[in-house]
Amino acid sequence: MSNPLAKLLRVIPAGTHLVIGGTMVLGAASYIQISIAGHALASSPRAAVSELWSLVMTVSLGLFFPIEQELTRVVAARAVRGEGVAPVLRRAALLTLGLLVLIGGALALGAGPLANTFFGGDRTLVWAFAGSLVGMALVYLTRGILAGLGLFNSYGISLALDGGLRIVLAGGLFLAGSHSAVAYGLVLAAAPLFAMLCTLPATLRGCRPGPLMPWNELFQNMTMMITASVLAQVVVNAAVITTALVHTDTRVTFALLSAGVLCRIPLFVFGSLQPTLMTGLSTTATTGDRAGFRKMLVQTCAVIVGLGLAGAIPAVFIGSWLIHTFLGAPNVLGSMDFFWFSAGTMCYMLAMVLGQALMALGRHRWQMLAWLLGTAALVAVTLVPGLVTTRVEVAYAFGSLVTAAVMLLTLVQGVTKRSSGPATNGAAAASALENV
């Protein structure tokens, strides 16, 4: 446990080091971008950019990342059968564009209220929000194809380009003396779009003609995946969004975003290893390797606890100084604020691991139910009377804990043995669950 990252690298399949490096660049870009904006902008526009960042992460990861995940599954299955995946790209592109049209219409109708609630009345930030969703949606589309085809070099390059350009653009704005919230917001649109365009040739080269794809092949688990993903993003970003809705002090909003970003460093480390972990869990579940499935799950959870503690200790003791020095946040939070954020992050990572185990066993419905219960717990705690910052922090921790606990009970007690899923047959799933 003295080297949690090394332990986790031994757990996951080999061959994806460029993906890990690219994800770490993208994770670092989030800190650098927020830090630069924190030092360049005044209080109100800084809070608006904080809200924009949280909303972009919530909506894009909630709606479009599940498309990447399901594309990876469908494309990989076709590649094994020797079938071309061009029809898959066409169907997924239509789905993505349809969602973007719906979101664009909703933003056009609600631009005024949205701007007044989150962006201090600045409607141009609403369109920066829309542009960011377009860039994120398109880059997730190409990454799903690349991952399914096993083109992990291009996948890792996409991540690195996205993160690298965020750093370059934000740094360029700072050096140019820009104090525009819109300019810093548009970085979230330009970077993923550029990464998508750079890796589009590799994506198209891999898309050979193939048999027509029925819609149900793509939609098989999509509704449950999107629901679970949206709820997961609500849980992890609710503190900043809720504070903006009920609190008028923009300094507190930016401080909460900064504290959340600091305490999520272990989450970024885990996120860089998440795609290959899913591959390992799916393989052991499909082959009925009960011991391998249990070992991988237990080892990963143990390492997650180690990562959580490694991030929590410095955050609790010097977190306030860190976010003030490096992110430009005001000194309005104490050690207990960082404790609750760190505890929430550890429980959230455990929920992500256990959720992947459920998906590997084809139990998407139970994963969705767990996030529903966790979100309900978060809302319940948020509504309890008291200091708003404490409520949203404890709500994050409690909501994540409830989600992880429900998933763990589902696995341990074998609640899902009565149903079968597409990822594995009933006998293999039952065998895996009996020994988790």
Protein backbone atom coordinates (compact mmCIF):
# COMPACT_ATOMS: atom_id res chain seq x y z
CA MET A 1 0.00 0.00 0.00
CA SER A 2 3.06 2.26 0.12
CA ASN A 3 2.73 2.67 -3.64
CA PRO A 4 -1.00 2.53 -4.48
CA LEU A 5 -0.54 3.49 -8.13
CA ALA A 6 1.95 0.66 -8.70
CA LYS A 7 -0.43 -1.83 -7.11
CA LEU A 8 -3.30 -0.71 -9.30
CA LEU A 9 -1.12 -0.90 -12.41
CA ARG A 10 -0.54 -4.59 -11.58
CA VAL A 11 -4.28 -5.17 -11.27
CA ILE A 12 -5.30 -3.82 -14.68
CA PRO A 13 -4.42 -5.25 -18.10
CA ALA A 14 -1.20 -4.01 -19.63
CA GLY A 15 -0.78 -2.06 -22.85
CA THR A 16 -2.60 1.18 -22.13
CA HIS A 17 0.15 3.39 -20.75
CA LEU A 18 -0.49 6.14 -23.29
CA VAL A 19 -4.12 6.24 -22.16
CA ILE A 20 -2.97 6.63 -18.56
CA GLY A 21 -0.56 9.41 -19.49
CA GLY A 22 -3.15 11.21 -21.59
CA THR A 23 -5.74 11.07 -18.84
CA MET A 24 -3.27 12.46 -16.32
CA VAL A 25 -2.52 15.37 -18.67
CA LEU A 26 -6.26 16.00 -18.98
CA GLY A 27 -6.68 15.81 -15.21
CA ALA A 28 -3.79 18.20 -14.61
CA ALA A 29 -5.32 20.59 -17.14
CA SER A 30 -8.41 20.94 -14.97
CA TYR A 31 -6.32 22.17 -12.04
CA ILE A 32 -4.21 24.47 -14.16
CA GLN A 33 -7.19 25.94 -16.00
CA ILE A 34 -9.08 26.65 -12.77
CA SER A 35 -5.92 28.05 -11.18
CA ILE A 36 -5.28 30.44 -14.05
CA ALA A 37 -8.90 31.60 -14.12
CA GLY A 38 -8.82 32.05 -10.35
CA HIS A 39 -5.86 34.40 -10.59
CA ALA A 40 -7.00 36.25 -13.72
CA LEU A 41 -10.67 36.93 -12.99
CA ALA A 42 -12.52 39.03 -10.44
CA SER A 43 -14.88 37.41 -7.94
CA SER A 44 -18.13 37.35 -9.96
CA PRO A 45 -16.75 36.18 -13.34
CA ARG A 46 -14.56 33.68 -11.51
CA ALA A 47 -17.63 32.16 -9.86
CA ALA A 48 -19.41 32.11 -13.25
CA VAL A 49 -16.54 30.15 -14.81
CA SER A 50 -16.67 27.77 -11.83
CA GLU A 51 -20.36 27.16 -12.47
CA LEU A 52 -19.73 26.71 -16.19
CA TRP A 53 -17.02 24.12 -15.51
CA SER A 54 -19.29 22.18 -13.13
CA LEU A 55 -22.25 22.25 -15.52
CA VAL A 56 -20.14 21.15 -18.50
CA MET A 57 -18.71 18.24 -16.53
CA THR A 58 -22.13 17.22 -15.20
CA VAL A 59 -23.96 17.27 -18.54
CA SER A 60 -21.18 16.02 -20.84
CA LEU A 61 -20.05 13.16 -18.61
CA GLY A 62 -23.65 12.34 -17.79
CA LEU A 63 -25.05 12.26 -21.33
CA PHE A 64 -22.15 11.66 -23.71
CA PHE A 65 -19.62 9.55 -21.80
CA PRO A 66 -22.12 6.63 -21.65
CA ILE A 67 -22.26 6.79 -25.46
CA GLU A 68 -18.48 6.33 -25.52
CA GLN A 69 -18.75 3.38 -23.13
CA GLU A 70 -21.50 1.64 -25.10
CA LEU A 71 -19.72 2.34 -28.39
CA THR A 72 -16.63 0.67 -26.99
CA ARG A 73 -18.65 -2.45 -26.15
CA VAL A 74 -20.47 -2.63 -29.49
CA VAL A 75 -17.42 -1.88 -31.64
CA ALA A 76 -15.26 -4.38 -29.74
CA ALA A 77 -17.90 -7.09 -30.25
CA ARG A 78 -18.05 -6.36 -33.98
CA ALA A 79 -14.28 -6.37 -34.25
CA VAL A 80 -14.15 -9.84 -32.68
CA ARG A 81 -16.71 -11.07 -35.25
CA GLY A 82 -14.74 -9.48 -38.11
CA GLU A 83 -17.53 -7.03 -38.95
CA GLY A 84 -16.98 -3.45 -40.09
CA VAL A 85 -18.02 -0.67 -37.71
CA ALA A 86 -18.92 2.16 -40.12
CA PRO A 87 -22.66 1.58 -39.50
CA VAL A 88 -22.02 1.89 -35.76
CA LEU A 89 -20.36 5.28 -36.22
CA ARG A 90 -23.28 6.51 -38.34
CA ARG A 91 -25.88 5.43 -35.77
CA ALA A 92 -23.91 6.88 -32.86
CA ALA A 93 -23.34 10.14 -34.74
CA LEU A 94 -27.08 10.50 -35.36
CA LEU A 95 -27.80 9.82 -31.69
CA THR A 96 -25.19 12.36 -30.58
CA LEU A 97 -26.40 15.04 -32.98
CA GLY A 98 -29.99 14.43 -31.90
CA LEU A 99 -29.08 14.97 -28.26
CA LEU A 100 -27.17 18.14 -29.16
CA VAL A 101 -30.16 19.52 -31.07
CA LEU A 102 -32.44 18.87 -28.09
CA ILE A 103 -29.97 20.47 -25.67
CA GLY A 104 -29.49 23.45 -28.00
CA GLY A 105 -33.24 24.00 -28.18
CA ALA A 106 -33.56 23.80 -24.41
CA LEU A 107 -30.71 26.29 -23.92
CA ALA A 108 -32.25 28.70 -26.45
CA LEU A 109 -35.57 28.63 -24.59
CA GLY A 110 -34.04 28.89 -21.12
CA ALA A 111 -31.01 31.10 -21.80
CA GLY A 112 -32.27 33.95 -19.63
CA PRO A 113 -33.09 31.97 -16.47
CA LEU A 114 -29.94 29.87 -16.85
CA ALA A 115 -27.75 32.95 -17.19
CA ASN A 116 -29.39 34.65 -14.21
CA THR A 117 -29.09 31.56 -12.01
CA PHE A 118 -25.53 30.47 -12.76
CA PHE A 119 -23.69 33.09 -14.81
CA GLY A 120 -24.57 36.41 -13.20
CA GLY A 121 -26.91 37.30 -16.09
CA ASP A 122 -24.22 36.87 -18.79
CA ARG A 123 -25.98 35.09 -21.69
CA THR A 124 -22.78 34.72 -23.67
CA LEU A 125 -21.69 32.11 -21.12
CA VAL A 126 -24.79 30.10 -22.00
CA TRP A 127 -23.50 29.83 -25.57
CA ALA A 128 -20.02 29.01 -24.28
CA PHE A 129 -21.76 26.22 -22.37
CA ALA A 130 -23.44 25.03 -25.58
CA GLY A 131 -20.15 25.11 -27.50
CA SER A 132 -18.42 23.13 -24.78
CA LEU A 133 -21.09 20.42 -24.94
CA VAL A 134 -20.63 20.18 -28.73
CA GLY A 135 -16.87 19.71 -28.37
CA MET A 136 -17.23 17.15 -25.57
CA ALA A 137 -19.96 15.19 -27.37
CA LEU A 138 -17.92 14.84 -30.57
CA VAL A 139 -14.71 13.85 -28.83
CA TYR A 140 -16.50 11.16 -26.80
CA LEU A 141 -17.97 9.83 -30.05
CA THR A 142 -14.55 9.32 -31.65
CA ARG A 143 -13.01 7.97 -28.45
CA GLY A 144 -15.66 5.26 -28.24
CA ILE A 145 -14.73 4.05 -31.72
CA LEU A 146 -10.99 4.22 -31.00
CA ALA A 147 -11.30 2.28 -27.73
CA GLY A 148 -13.52 -0.38 -29.28
CA LEU A 149 -11.03 -0.91 -32.11
CA GLY A 150 -8.15 -1.13 -29.63
CA LEU A 151 -6.48 2.00 -31.05
CA PHE A 152 -5.28 3.08 -27.62
CA ASN A 153 -2.39 5.16 -28.95
CA SER A 154 -4.83 7.43 -30.76
CA TYR A 155 -7.14 7.37 -27.73
CA GLY A 156 -4.33 8.50 -25.46
CA ILE A 157 -3.29 11.19 -27.95
CA SER A 158 -6.86 12.51 -27.94
CA LEU A 159 -6.79 12.82 -24.15
CA ALA A 160 -3.36 14.47 -24.13
CA LEU A 161 -4.26 16.95 -26.88
CA ASP A 162 -7.47 17.90 -25.08
CA GLY A 163 -5.65 18.53 -21.80
CA GLY A 164 -2.58 20.11 -23.36
CA LEU A 165 -4.59 22.62 -25.37
CA ARG A 166 -6.60 23.61 -22.30
CA ILE A 167 -3.34 24.49 -20.56
CA VAL A 168 -1.93 26.36 -23.58
CA LEU A 169 -5.10 28.35 -24.27
CA ALA A 170 -5.71 29.29 -20.63
CA GLY A 171 -2.06 30.23 -20.22
CA GLY A 172 -2.17 32.31 -23.41
CA LEU A 173 -5.23 34.20 -22.20
CA PHE A 174 -3.50 34.93 -18.90
CA LEU A 175 -0.33 36.18 -20.59
CA ALA A 176 -2.42 38.34 -22.90
CA GLY A 177 -4.03 39.94 -19.85
CA SER A 178 -7.54 38.66 -20.60
CA HIS A 179 -10.17 39.17 -17.90
CA SER A 180 -13.06 37.73 -19.92
CA ALA A 181 -15.05 34.91 -18.36
CA VAL A 182 -16.35 33.96 -21.83
CA ALA A 183 -12.82 33.57 -23.20
CA TYR A 184 -11.84 31.18 -20.40
CA GLY A 185 -15.14 29.36 -20.83
CA LEU A 186 -14.59 28.81 -24.56
CA VAL A 187 -11.40 26.91 -23.75
CA LEU A 188 -13.70 24.04 -22.75
CA ALA A 189 -15.17 24.07 -26.27
CA ALA A 190 -12.02 24.54 -28.35
CA ALA A 191 -9.78 21.92 -26.70
CA PRO A 192 -11.95 18.79 -27.13
CA LEU A 193 -12.98 19.87 -30.64
CA PHE A 194 -9.33 20.17 -31.66
CA ALA A 195 -8.55 16.76 -30.13
CA MET A 196 -11.45 15.22 -32.06
CA LEU A 197 -10.30 16.70 -35.38
CA CYS A 198 -6.72 15.51 -34.87
CA THR A 199 -7.77 11.90 -34.21
CA LEU A 200 -10.65 11.82 -36.73
CA PRO A 201 -8.47 10.36 -39.54
CA ALA A 202 -7.49 7.39 -37.34
CA THR A 203 -11.16 6.93 -36.40
CA LEU A 204 -12.33 6.92 -40.00
CA ARG A 205 -9.55 4.59 -41.16
CA GLY A 206 -10.74 2.00 -38.68
CA CYS A 207 -14.40 2.23 -39.78
CA ARG A 208 -14.72 -0.35 -42.53
CA PRO A 209 -18.13 -1.02 -44.13
CA GLY A 210 -20.17 -3.67 -42.36
CA PRO A 211 -23.67 -5.05 -41.83
CA LEU A 212 -26.42 -2.60 -40.93
CA MET A 213 -26.63 -1.92 -37.20
CA PRO A 214 -30.09 -2.20 -35.58
CA TRP A 215 -30.86 0.60 -33.14
CA ASN A 216 -31.45 -1.82 -30.27
CA GLU A 217 -27.81 -2.95 -30.49
CA LEU A 218 -26.79 0.54 -29.37
CA PHE A 219 -29.75 1.26 -27.10
CA GLN A 220 -29.66 -2.07 -25.25
CA ASN A 221 -28.39 -0.57 -22.00
CA MET A 222 -28.08 3.10 -22.97
CA THR A 223 -31.02 4.48 -20.98
CA MET A 224 -29.86 2.89 -17.75
CA MET A 225 -26.24 3.90 -18.38
CA ILE A 226 -27.12 7.53 -19.09
CA THR A 227 -29.40 7.70 -16.05
CA ALA A 228 -26.70 6.27 -13.78
CA SER A 229 -24.03 8.50 -15.31
CA VAL A 230 -26.10 11.69 -14.96
CA LEU A 231 -26.87 10.86 -11.33
CA ALA A 232 -23.18 10.14 -10.65
CA GLN A 233 -22.25 13.55 -12.04
CA VAL A 234 -25.00 15.21 -10.00
CA VAL A 235 -23.55 13.65 -6.85
CA VAL A 236 -19.97 14.69 -7.56
CA ASN A 237 -20.79 18.25 -8.72
CA ALA A 238 -23.82 19.03 -6.55
CA ALA A 239 -21.87 21.02 -3.94
CA VAL A 240 -20.91 23.84 -6.31
CA ILE A 241 -24.21 23.87 -8.23
CA THR A 242 -26.34 23.83 -5.07
CA THR A 243 -24.29 26.58 -3.46
CA ALA A 244 -24.83 28.78 -6.51
CA LEU A 245 -28.58 28.23 -6.24
CA VAL A 246 -28.97 29.02 -2.53
CA HIS A 247 -25.93 31.15 -1.65
CA THR A 248 -25.08 34.67 -2.79
CA ASP A 249 -21.39 34.78 -1.83
CA THR A 250 -19.44 34.07 -5.05
CA ARG A 251 -16.25 33.71 -2.99
CA VAL A 252 -17.70 30.63 -1.27
CA THR A 253 -18.76 29.13 -4.61
CA PHE A 254 -15.26 29.36 -6.04
CA ALA A 255 -13.69 28.11 -2.80
CA LEU A 256 -15.95 25.03 -2.86
CA LEU A 257 -15.05 24.31 -6.48
CA SER A 258 -11.35 24.64 -5.65
CA ALA A 259 -11.65 22.38 -2.59
CA GLY A 260 -13.58 19.81 -4.60
CA VAL A 261 -10.98 19.83 -7.37
CA LEU A 262 -8.14 19.43 -4.85
CA CYS A 263 -9.84 16.54 -3.05
CA ARG A 264 -10.56 14.81 -6.37
CA ILE A 265 -6.90 14.30 -7.24
CA PRO A 266 -7.20 10.58 -6.31
CA LEU A 267 -10.27 10.40 -8.56
CA PHE A 268 -8.26 11.66 -11.52
CA VAL A 269 -5.55 9.05 -10.82
CA PHE A 270 -8.17 6.31 -10.70
CA GLY A 271 -9.92 7.68 -13.79
CA SER A 272 -6.75 7.23 -15.84
CA LEU A 273 -6.87 3.48 -15.09
CA GLN A 274 -10.64 2.99 -15.30
CA PRO A 275 -10.99 1.94 -18.99
CA THR A 276 -8.63 -1.02 -18.66
CA LEU A 277 -10.07 -2.03 -15.29
CA MET A 278 -13.43 -2.49 -16.99
CA THR A 279 -11.78 -4.77 -19.54
CA GLY A 280 -10.33 -6.99 -16.81
CA LEU A 281 -13.59 -7.24 -14.87
CA SER A 282 -15.59 -8.00 -18.01
CA THR A 283 -13.15 -10.72 -19.05
CA THR A 284 -13.19 -12.54 -15.72
CA ALA A 285 -16.98 -12.24 -15.45
CA THR A 286 -17.57 -13.53 -18.98
CA THR A 287 -15.25 -16.51 -18.55
CA GLY A 288 -16.73 -17.38 -15.15
CA ASP A 289 -13.41 -16.84 -13.37
CA ARG A 290 -14.90 -16.36 -9.88
CA ALA A 291 -11.59 -16.17 -8.07
CA GLY A 292 -10.12 -13.74 -10.60
CA PHE A 293 -13.16 -11.47 -10.47
CA ARG A 294 -13.16 -11.37 -6.68
CA LYS A 295 -9.42 -10.84 -6.45
CA MET A 296 -9.43 -7.97 -8.93
CA LEU A 297 -12.37 -6.30 -7.19
CA VAL A 298 -10.97 -6.65 -3.66
CA GLN A 299 -7.47 -5.50 -4.70
CA THR A 300 -8.83 -2.50 -6.55
CA CYS A 301 -11.04 -1.44 -3.63
CA ALA A 302 -8.07 -1.77 -1.26
CA VAL A 303 -5.95 0.43 -3.51
CA ILE A 304 -8.78 2.96 -3.79
CA VAL A 305 -8.79 3.28 0.01
CA GLY A 306 -5.02 3.84 -0.11
CA LEU A 307 -5.37 6.49 -2.81
CA GLY A 308 -8.15 8.16 -0.84
CA LEU A 309 -6.07 8.34 2.32
CA ALA A 310 -3.02 9.58 0.41
CA GLY A 311 -5.08 12.46 -0.93
CA ALA A 312 -7.09 13.14 2.22
CA ILE A 313 -4.23 13.66 4.67
CA PRO A 314 -2.60 16.67 2.95
CA ALA A 315 -6.01 18.06 1.93
CA VAL A 316 -7.33 18.10 5.51
CA PHE A 317 -4.20 19.62 7.03
CA ILE A 318 -3.05 22.12 4.40
CA GLY A 319 -5.94 22.18 1.90
CA SER A 320 -6.95 25.76 2.64
CA TRP A 321 -3.40 26.99 2.03
CA LEU A 322 -3.08 24.92 -1.16
CA ILE A 323 -6.21 26.23 -2.85
CA HIS A 324 -5.41 29.81 -1.81
CA THR A 325 -1.84 29.63 -3.09
CA PHE A 326 -2.28 27.63 -6.28
CA LEU A 327 -5.91 28.21 -7.28
CA GLY A 328 -6.42 31.73 -5.98
CA ALA A 329 -9.34 30.73 -3.76
CA PRO A 330 -10.31 32.85 -0.73
CA ASN A 331 -9.63 31.55 2.80
CA VAL A 332 -13.22 30.72 3.75
CA LEU A 333 -12.98 26.93 4.33
CA GLY A 334 -11.57 24.92 7.23
CA SER A 335 -10.18 21.43 7.82
CA MET A 336 -13.61 19.82 8.27
CA ASP A 337 -14.68 21.08 4.86
CA PHE A 338 -11.77 19.22 3.29
CA PHE A 339 -12.46 16.16 5.44
CA TRP A 340 -16.00 15.82 4.08
CA PHE A 341 -14.86 16.38 0.50
CA SER A 342 -12.10 13.77 0.90
CA ALA A 343 -14.45 11.24 2.50
CA GLY A 344 -16.93 11.81 -0.31
CA THR A 345 -14.25 11.27 -2.95
CA MET A 346 -13.14 7.97 -1.40
CA CYS A 347 -16.73 6.67 -1.26
CA TYR A 348 -17.36 7.95 -4.78
CA MET A 349 -14.34 6.05 -6.15
CA LEU A 350 -15.51 2.88 -4.41
CA ALA A 351 -18.93 3.37 -5.98
CA MET A 352 -17.32 3.73 -9.41
CA VAL A 353 -15.39 0.46 -8.96
CA LEU A 354 -18.39 -1.46 -7.67
CA GLY A 355 -20.54 0.01 -10.44
CA GLN A 356 -18.10 -1.28 -13.04
CA ALA A 357 -18.29 -4.71 -11.42
CA LEU A 358 -22.08 -4.63 -11.77
CA MET A 359 -21.84 -3.57 -15.42
CA ALA A 360 -19.30 -6.31 -16.11
CA LEU A 361 -21.91 -8.76 -14.83
CA GLY A 362 -24.60 -7.16 -16.99
CA ARG A 363 -26.40 -5.62 -14.00
CA HIS A 364 -26.94 -2.10 -15.33
CA ARG A 365 -30.34 -1.84 -13.64
CA TRP A 366 -28.87 -2.36 -10.17
CA GLN A 367 -26.14 0.17 -10.81
CA MET A 368 -28.79 2.72 -11.80
CA LEU A 369 -30.84 1.93 -8.68
CA ALA A 370 -27.81 2.48 -6.45
CA TRP A 371 -27.18 5.93 -7.93
CA LEU A 372 -30.88 6.78 -7.57
CA LEU A 373 -30.75 5.95 -3.86
CA GLY A 374 -27.47 7.81 -3.43
CA THR A 375 -28.88 10.91 -5.11
CA ALA A 376 -31.97 10.72 -2.91
CA ALA A 377 -29.71 10.58 0.15
CA LEU A 378 -27.75 13.59 -1.14
CA VAL A 379 -30.94 15.62 -1.62
CA ALA A 380 -32.22 14.65 1.83
CA VAL A 381 -29.04 15.81 3.57
CA THR A 382 -28.92 19.00 1.50
CA LEU A 383 -32.42 19.93 2.68
CA VAL A 384 -31.53 19.57 6.37
CA PRO A 385 -31.35 23.02 8.07
CA GLY A 386 -27.87 24.34 8.78
CA LEU A 387 -24.85 26.04 7.24
CA VAL A 388 -25.07 25.60 3.46
CA THR A 389 -21.39 24.70 2.97
CA THR A 390 -21.55 21.95 5.60
CA ARG A 391 -24.79 20.59 4.18
CA VAL A 392 -23.51 20.25 0.60
CA GLU A 393 -20.21 18.71 1.72
CA VAL A 394 -21.83 16.14 4.02
CA ALA A 395 -24.43 15.45 1.31
CA TYR A 396 -21.66 14.58 -1.17
CA ALA A 397 -20.05 12.18 1.30
CA PHE A 398 -23.31 10.59 2.42
CA GLY A 399 -24.72 10.26 -1.09
CA SER A 400 -21.54 8.56 -2.30
CA LEU A 401 -21.50 6.28 0.77
CA VAL A 402 -25.11 5.18 0.23
CA THR A 403 -24.42 4.45 -3.44
CA ALA A 404 -21.34 2.36 -2.69
CA ALA A 405 -23.12 0.50 0.14
CA VAL A 406 -26.08 -0.43 -2.07
CA MET A 407 -23.76 -1.69 -4.79
CA LEU A 408 -21.72 -3.71 -2.30
CA LEU A 409 -24.82 -5.30 -0.78
CA THR A 410 -26.06 -6.15 -4.27
CA LEU A 411 -22.82 -7.95 -5.06
CA VAL A 412 -22.34 -9.68 -1.70
CA GLN A 413 -25.92 -10.86 -1.18
CA GLY A 414 -26.36 -11.96 -4.79
CA VAL A 415 -29.54 -9.92 -5.27
CA THR A 416 -29.03 -9.89 -9.02
CA LYS A 417 -28.60 -13.65 -9.47
CA ARG A 418 -32.24 -13.93 -10.51
CA SER A 419 -31.70 -12.01 -13.75
CA SER A 420 -29.30 -12.46 -16.62
CA GLY A 421 -27.50 -9.77 -18.58
CA PRO A 422 -25.88 -9.44 -21.98
CA ALA A 423 -22.35 -9.24 -20.65
CA THR A 424 -22.36 -12.77 -19.25
CA ASN A 425 -24.55 -15.83 -18.98
CA GLY A 426 -26.62 -16.54 -15.88
CA ALA A 427 -24.39 -19.32 -14.57
CA ALA A 428 -21.21 -17.30 -14.85
CA ALA A 429 -22.84 -14.28 -13.19
CA ALA A 430 -24.17 -16.37 -10.31
CA SER A 431 -20.79 -18.00 -9.81
CA ALA A 432 -19.03 -14.64 -9.76
CA LEU A 433 -21.49 -13.10 -7.34
CA GLU A 434 -21.44 -16.05 -4.96
CA ASN A 435 -17.76 -15.43 -4.33
CA VAL A 436 -17.56 -11.63 -4.38
